[in-house]
């Protein structure tokens, strides 16, 4: 019975053009939230990775600030609002030569106007 009710609701949402899964307000949907650089050269000035996302909500998404767990990690992103259905990217830069060689694990906090208010991204690897 429950399965039948769900199918009817899904059908009605499709017919009416409403997505039952679309969050109200702005909302991040990251393609990935973690990146493993693997082994990198410790003397390298920097390594970069991109975290791409979609605003799958119903209102413009605005990144209000970012916070990294270390001064060896930097963040770049477009400061303009991302409209509903729009795509964006956050580039994370790790400067291996600013820290001692070895395994690293860094957290990047992304603050926004989404209901979650904060999303975490992770980079990790081994500087040799």
C-alpha atoms as a PDB file:
ATOM      1  CA  UNK A   1       0.000   0.000   0.000  1.00  0.00           C
ATOM      2  CA  UNK A   2       2.806   2.418   0.914  1.00  0.00           C
ATOM      3  CA  UNK A   3       4.637   1.700  -2.336  1.00  0.00           C
ATOM      4  CA  UNK A   4       1.479   2.403  -4.328  1.00  0.00           C
ATOM      5  CA  UNK A   5       0.945   5.760  -2.551  1.00  0.00           C
ATOM      6  CA  UNK A   6       4.548   6.761  -3.267  1.00  0.00           C
ATOM      7  CA  UNK A   7       4.184   5.883  -6.961  1.00  0.00           C
ATOM      8  CA  UNK A   8       0.974   7.923  -7.217  1.00  0.00           C
ATOM      9  CA  UNK A   9       2.639  10.928  -5.557  1.00  0.00           C
ATOM     10  CA  UNK A  10       5.683  10.617  -7.824  1.00  0.00           C
ATOM     11  CA  UNK A  11       3.410  10.440 -10.880  1.00  0.00           C
ATOM     12  CA  UNK A  12       1.408  13.504  -9.787  1.00  0.00           C
ATOM     13  CA  UNK A  13       4.596  15.470  -9.138  1.00  0.00           C
ATOM     14  CA  UNK A  14       5.861  14.594 -12.604  1.00  0.00           C
ATOM     15  CA  UNK A  15       2.570  15.522 -14.296  1.00  0.00           C
ATOM     16  CA  UNK A  16       2.341  18.818 -12.409  1.00  0.00           C
ATOM     17  CA  UNK A  17       5.978  19.679 -13.151  1.00  0.00           C
ATOM     18  CA  UNK A  18       7.000  19.710  -9.517  1.00  0.00           C
ATOM     19  CA  UNK A  19      10.035  17.837  -8.280  1.00  0.00           C
ATOM     20  CA  UNK A  20       9.386  16.043  -5.015  1.00  0.00           C
ATOM     21  CA  UNK A  21      13.150  16.019  -4.423  1.00  0.00           C
ATOM     22  CA  UNK A  22      13.920  19.743  -4.961  1.00  0.00           C
ATOM     23  CA  UNK A  23      14.925  21.444  -1.711  1.00  0.00           C
ATOM     24  CA  UNK A  24      13.226  24.700  -0.783  1.00  0.00           C
ATOM     25  CA  UNK A  25      15.561  27.715  -0.806  1.00  0.00           C
ATOM     26  CA  UNK A  26      19.219  27.544  -1.919  1.00  0.00           C
ATOM     27  CA  UNK A  27      20.983  24.185  -1.703  1.00  0.00           C
ATOM     28  CA  UNK A  28      24.450  22.773  -2.543  1.00  0.00           C
ATOM     29  CA  UNK A  29      24.725  19.481  -4.407  1.00  0.00           C
ATOM     30  CA  UNK A  30      28.448  18.761  -4.729  1.00  0.00           C
ATOM     31  CA  UNK A  31      29.745  16.368  -7.394  1.00  0.00           C
ATOM     32  CA  UNK A  32      32.275  15.263  -4.738  1.00  0.00           C
ATOM     33  CA  UNK A  33      33.238  16.507  -1.265  1.00  0.00           C
ATOM     34  CA  UNK A  34      36.645  14.845  -0.895  1.00  0.00           C
ATOM     35  CA  UNK A  35      39.783  14.831  -3.029  1.00  0.00           C
ATOM     36  CA  UNK A  36      42.843  12.616  -2.559  1.00  0.00           C
ATOM     37  CA  UNK A  37      45.982  14.063  -4.167  1.00  0.00           C
ATOM     38  CA  UNK A  38      47.873  10.846  -3.475  1.00  0.00           C
ATOM     39  CA  UNK A  39      51.662  11.303  -3.376  1.00  0.00           C
ATOM     40  CA  UNK A  40      52.787  14.832  -4.281  1.00  0.00           C
ATOM     41  CA  UNK A  41      56.165  16.536  -4.425  1.00  0.00           C
ATOM     42  CA  UNK A  42      56.807  18.321  -1.115  1.00  0.00           C
ATOM     43  CA  UNK A  43      58.770  21.054  -2.870  1.00  0.00           C
ATOM     44  CA  UNK A  44      55.844  21.847  -5.218  1.00  0.00           C
ATOM     45  CA  UNK A  45      54.629  25.404  -4.848  1.00  0.00           C
ATOM     46  CA  UNK A  46      50.988  24.288  -4.910  1.00  0.00           C
ATOM     47  CA  UNK A  47      48.499  21.684  -6.052  1.00  0.00           C
ATOM     48  CA  UNK A  48      44.873  22.444  -6.933  1.00  0.00           C
ATOM     49  CA  UNK A  49      41.566  20.647  -7.129  1.00  0.00           C
ATOM     50  CA  UNK A  50      38.065  21.770  -8.089  1.00  0.00           C
ATOM     51  CA  UNK A  51      34.891  20.930  -6.250  1.00  0.00           C
ATOM     52  CA  UNK A  52      32.015  21.489  -8.659  1.00  0.00           C
ATOM     53  CA  UNK A  53      28.460  21.931  -7.440  1.00  0.00           C
ATOM     54  CA  UNK A  54      24.907  22.643  -8.552  1.00  0.00           C
ATOM     55  CA  UNK A  55      22.385  24.815  -6.778  1.00  0.00           C
ATOM     56  CA  UNK A  56      19.520  22.318  -6.847  1.00  0.00           C
ATOM     57  CA  UNK A  57      17.341  24.533  -4.663  1.00  0.00           C
ATOM     58  CA  UNK A  58      14.717  27.134  -5.478  1.00  0.00           C
ATOM     59  CA  UNK A  59      16.585  30.365  -4.597  1.00  0.00           C
ATOM     60  CA  UNK A  60      20.003  31.890  -5.431  1.00  0.00           C
ATOM     61  CA  UNK A  61      22.899  30.329  -3.507  1.00  0.00           C
ATOM     62  CA  UNK A  62      25.485  32.687  -1.986  1.00  0.00           C
ATOM     63  CA  UNK A  63      28.782  31.597  -0.439  1.00  0.00           C
ATOM     64  CA  UNK A  64      29.253  33.963   2.487  1.00  0.00           C
ATOM     65  CA  UNK A  65      32.698  32.845   3.674  1.00  0.00           C
ATOM     66  CA  UNK A  66      35.164  29.983   3.770  1.00  0.00           C
ATOM     67  CA  UNK A  67      37.376  28.705   6.572  1.00  0.00           C
ATOM     68  CA  UNK A  68      40.375  26.413   6.163  1.00  0.00           C
ATOM     69  CA  UNK A  69      41.993  24.285   8.834  1.00  0.00           C
ATOM     70  CA  UNK A  70      45.485  25.567   7.940  1.00  0.00           C
ATOM     71  CA  UNK A  71      47.197  28.594   6.396  1.00  0.00           C
ATOM     72  CA  UNK A  72      48.717  26.226   3.825  1.00  0.00           C
ATOM     73  CA  UNK A  73      45.262  25.838   2.258  1.00  0.00           C
ATOM     74  CA  UNK A  74      43.584  28.547   0.180  1.00  0.00           C
ATOM     75  CA  UNK A  75      40.155  28.760  -1.454  1.00  0.00           C
ATOM     76  CA  UNK A  76      38.998  30.499  -4.645  1.00  0.00           C
ATOM     77  CA  UNK A  77      35.388  30.842  -5.802  1.00  0.00           C
ATOM     78  CA  UNK A  78      33.116  33.184  -7.745  1.00  0.00           C
ATOM     79  CA  UNK A  79      31.500  35.686  -5.387  1.00  0.00           C
ATOM     80  CA  UNK A  80      28.332  36.041  -7.494  1.00  0.00           C
ATOM     81  CA  UNK A  81      25.114  34.229  -6.466  1.00  0.00           C
ATOM     82  CA  UNK A  82      24.479  30.907  -8.208  1.00  0.00           C
ATOM     83  CA  UNK A  83      20.897  30.830  -9.523  1.00  0.00           C
ATOM     84  CA  UNK A  84      18.617  27.812  -9.053  1.00  0.00           C
ATOM     85  CA  UNK A  85      19.814  25.103 -11.429  1.00  0.00           C
ATOM     86  CA  UNK A  86      23.124  26.959 -11.908  1.00  0.00           C
ATOM     87  CA  UNK A  87      26.594  25.473 -11.541  1.00  0.00           C
ATOM     88  CA  UNK A  88      29.636  26.735  -9.690  1.00  0.00           C
ATOM     89  CA  UNK A  89      33.031  25.587  -8.507  1.00  0.00           C
ATOM     90  CA  UNK A  90      35.285  26.009  -5.510  1.00  0.00           C
ATOM     91  CA  UNK A  91      39.012  25.654  -6.136  1.00  0.00           C
ATOM     92  CA  UNK A  92      41.141  24.487  -3.220  1.00  0.00           C
ATOM     93  CA  UNK A  93      44.885  25.177  -3.301  1.00  0.00           C
ATOM     94  CA  UNK A  94      47.280  23.272  -1.063  1.00  0.00           C
ATOM     95  CA  UNK A  95      50.801  24.669  -0.626  1.00  0.00           C
ATOM     96  CA  UNK A  96      52.813  21.589   0.340  1.00  0.00           C
ATOM     97  CA  UNK A  97      56.082  23.495   0.767  1.00  0.00           C
ATOM     98  CA  UNK A  98      54.606  25.488   3.676  1.00  0.00           C
ATOM     99  CA  UNK A  99      54.253  22.397   5.874  1.00  0.00           C
ATOM    100  CA  UNK A 100      56.449  19.471   6.825  1.00  0.00           C
ATOM    101  CA  UNK A 101      56.531  16.501   4.491  1.00  0.00           C
ATOM    102  CA  UNK A 102      54.152  13.665   5.237  1.00  0.00           C
ATOM    103  CA  UNK A 103      50.494  12.790   5.229  1.00  0.00           C
ATOM    104  CA  UNK A 104      48.044  15.687   5.261  1.00  0.00           C
ATOM    105  CA  UNK A 105      44.295  15.903   5.825  1.00  0.00           C
ATOM    106  CA  UNK A 106      42.675  19.339   5.549  1.00  0.00           C
ATOM    107  CA  UNK A 107      39.083  20.440   6.066  1.00  0.00           C
ATOM    108  CA  UNK A 108      37.534  23.400   4.270  1.00  0.00           C
ATOM    109  CA  UNK A 109      34.296  24.826   5.670  1.00  0.00           C
ATOM    110  CA  UNK A 110      31.992  26.514   3.149  1.00  0.00           C
ATOM    111  CA  UNK A 111      29.433  28.864   4.712  1.00  0.00           C
ATOM    112  CA  UNK A 112      26.413  29.927   2.677  1.00  0.00           C
ATOM    113  CA  UNK A 113      22.787  30.972   2.791  1.00  0.00           C
ATOM    114  CA  UNK A 114      21.651  27.352   2.380  1.00  0.00           C
ATOM    115  CA  UNK A 115      19.562  25.790   5.173  1.00  0.00           C
ATOM    116  CA  UNK A 116      22.598  23.679   6.191  1.00  0.00           C
ATOM    117  CA  UNK A 117      24.607  26.936   6.601  1.00  0.00           C
ATOM    118  CA  UNK A 118      27.893  24.964   6.397  1.00  0.00           C
ATOM    119  CA  UNK A 119      29.273  22.298   4.099  1.00  0.00           C
ATOM    120  CA  UNK A 120      32.645  20.592   4.544  1.00  0.00           C
ATOM    121  CA  UNK A 121      35.139  19.720   1.829  1.00  0.00           C
ATOM    122  CA  UNK A 122      38.211  17.552   2.441  1.00  0.00           C
ATOM    123  CA  UNK A 123      41.593  17.293   0.758  1.00  0.00           C
ATOM    124  CA  UNK A 124      44.207  14.730   1.674  1.00  0.00           C
ATOM    125  CA  UNK A 125      47.419  13.232   0.396  1.00  0.00           C
ATOM    126  CA  UNK A 126      51.064  12.579   1.149  1.00  0.00           C
ATOM    127  CA  UNK A 127      53.792  15.162   0.520  1.00  0.00           C
ATOM    128  CA  UNK A 128      57.064  13.316  -0.170  1.00  0.00           C
END
